[in-house]
Protein backbone atom coordinates (compact mmCIF):
# COMPACT_ATOMS: atom_id res chain seq x y z
CA MET A 1 -0.13 -5.05 5.61
CA SER A 2 2.18 -4.46 8.89
CA LYS A 3 1.16 -2.16 11.13
CA ILE A 4 3.20 0.57 11.49
CA SER A 5 3.35 3.36 14.57
CA THR A 6 5.98 4.97 16.39
CA PHE A 7 8.96 4.34 18.77
CA LYS A 8 10.97 7.64 20.71
CA ASP A 9 14.61 6.05 21.90
CA GLU A 10 15.79 2.69 21.45
CA ALA A 11 15.48 1.81 25.19
CA GLU A 12 12.26 1.76 24.35
CA ALA A 13 12.12 -0.58 21.57
CA TYR A 14 14.38 -2.88 23.79
CA ALA A 15 11.81 -3.08 26.32
CA GLN A 16 8.59 -2.93 24.01
CA ILE A 17 10.02 -6.05 22.58
CA GLN A 18 11.06 -7.65 26.69
CA GLU A 19 7.74 -6.86 26.92
CA ALA A 20 5.93 -8.93 23.91
CA GLY A 21 8.35 -11.82 25.17
CA TYR A 22 10.26 -11.84 22.08
CA HIS A 23 14.05 -12.28 21.18
CA VAL A 24 16.35 -9.02 20.76
CA TYR A 25 17.92 -8.84 17.15
CA THR A 26 20.22 -6.10 16.03
CA SER A 27 21.20 -5.92 12.17
CA ASP A 28 22.98 -3.46 10.01
CA TYR A 29 22.20 -3.62 6.17
CA PRO A 30 23.19 -3.01 3.45
CA ALA A 31 21.61 -1.21 0.35
CA LEU A 32 19.19 -4.33 -0.84
CA LYS A 33 16.18 -5.15 -3.03
CA ASN A 34 15.55 -7.97 -2.86
CA ASP A 35 11.97 -10.65 -4.09
CA PHE A 36 8.54 -11.20 -2.49
CA HIS A 37 9.05 -13.42 -0.05
CA TRP A 38 7.63 -13.77 3.27
CA HIS A 39 9.12 -15.41 6.96
CA ASP A 40 7.97 -18.17 9.20
CA PHE A 41 8.25 -15.77 12.32
CA ASP A 42 6.41 -12.39 13.60
CA ALA A 43 8.60 -10.07 14.42
CA LEU A 44 8.60 -6.45 15.65
CA ILE A 45 10.65 -3.74 13.68
CA TYR A 46 12.39 -0.70 15.56
CA ILE A 47 14.13 1.15 12.33
CA THR A 48 16.72 2.98 14.64
CA LYS A 49 18.54 4.38 10.96
CA GLY A 50 18.48 4.86 6.71
CA GLU A 51 15.51 3.64 5.27
CA LEU A 52 13.72 0.84 4.10
CA THR A 53 10.27 0.58 1.50
CA VAL A 54 8.36 -2.37 2.50
CA THR A 55 5.76 -3.11 -0.30
CA GLU A 56 2.89 -6.78 0.44
CA GLN A 57 2.36 -8.10 -2.70
CA THR A 58 -1.52 -8.75 -2.27
CA SER A 59 -2.21 -4.81 -2.04
CA GLY A 60 0.76 -3.55 -4.07
CA GLU A 61 0.54 -0.77 -0.60
CA SER A 62 4.37 0.31 0.06
CA ILE A 63 5.50 2.03 3.25
CA ILE A 64 8.29 4.48 3.87
CA CYS A 65 9.87 3.88 7.21
CA GLY A 66 12.87 6.59 8.65
CA PRO A 67 14.36 6.80 11.90
CA GLY A 68 11.45 5.59 14.77
CA THR A 69 9.54 3.51 12.93
CA LYS A 70 8.44 0.50 14.27
CA LEU A 71 6.82 -2.07 11.96
CA ILE A 72 4.76 -4.91 13.78
CA ALA A 73 4.90 -7.57 10.74
CA GLY A 74 3.17 -10.94 11.18
CA ALA A 75 4.03 -14.13 9.31
CA GLY A 76 3.19 -15.05 6.46
CA VAL A 77 2.54 -11.97 4.77
CA VAL A 78 4.05 -11.67 1.49
CA HIS A 79 5.86 -8.46 1.03
CA ARG A 80 9.57 -7.76 -0.21
CA GLU A 81 11.85 -4.72 0.62
CA GLU A 82 14.15 -1.98 -0.68
CA SER A 83 16.38 0.75 1.11
CA SER A 84 19.98 1.96 0.22
CA GLY A 85 21.19 0.71 4.12
CA TYR A 86 19.27 0.85 7.33
CA SER A 87 19.99 -0.59 10.80
CA ALA A 88 17.46 -1.91 13.36
CA ILE A 89 16.63 -3.43 16.02
CA PHE A 90 14.28 -6.35 16.06
CA GLY A 91 11.84 -8.63 18.66
CA LEU A 92 11.50 -11.53 16.66
CA SER A 93 8.76 -14.64 18.14
CA VAL A 94 11.18 -17.24 18.21
CA ALA A 95 15.09 -17.26 18.82
CA PRO A 96 17.45 -15.97 15.73
CA GLN A 97 19.10 -19.48 15.83
CA SER A 98 16.42 -21.34 15.73
CA LEU A 99 15.32 -19.62 12.05
CA THR A 100 14.24 -21.75 9.36
CA GLN A 101 16.47 -21.58 5.79
CA PRO A 102 16.01 -19.72 3.95
CA VAL A 103 14.90 -16.69 5.90
CA GLU A 104 13.27 -15.67 3.18
CA LYS A 105 10.90 -17.88 1.58
CA PRO A 106 9.03 -17.65 -1.52
CA PRO A 107 6.22 -17.30 -2.13
CA PRO A 108 3.49 -20.34 -2.91
CA TYR A 109 2.30 -18.33 -5.77
CA SER A 110 3.40 -14.67 -8.12
CA HIS A 111 0.59 -12.81 -9.14
């Protein structure tokens, strides 16, 4: 499962992303509930508004993330997300314009 911690403010989030050498991407997401998928990049995710629930497929473990939550998400982890809407600052290990499509890759198998 993703590693979880906290951050105090947006300035700290931006500083940590820069220190990691990652690319900044910010977004506001409407309500969502997606299928299990994975990504081919690492990400630092800083929740700034709303709430996001992330469920890891293998363990079935869910993490509920609200404002001030930092997730460290590794590439290849099969998971799904559910939210009534949230905003986040992302640190991506690859430049946003070079993300391979689809960004949400289907799992190689299902349980």
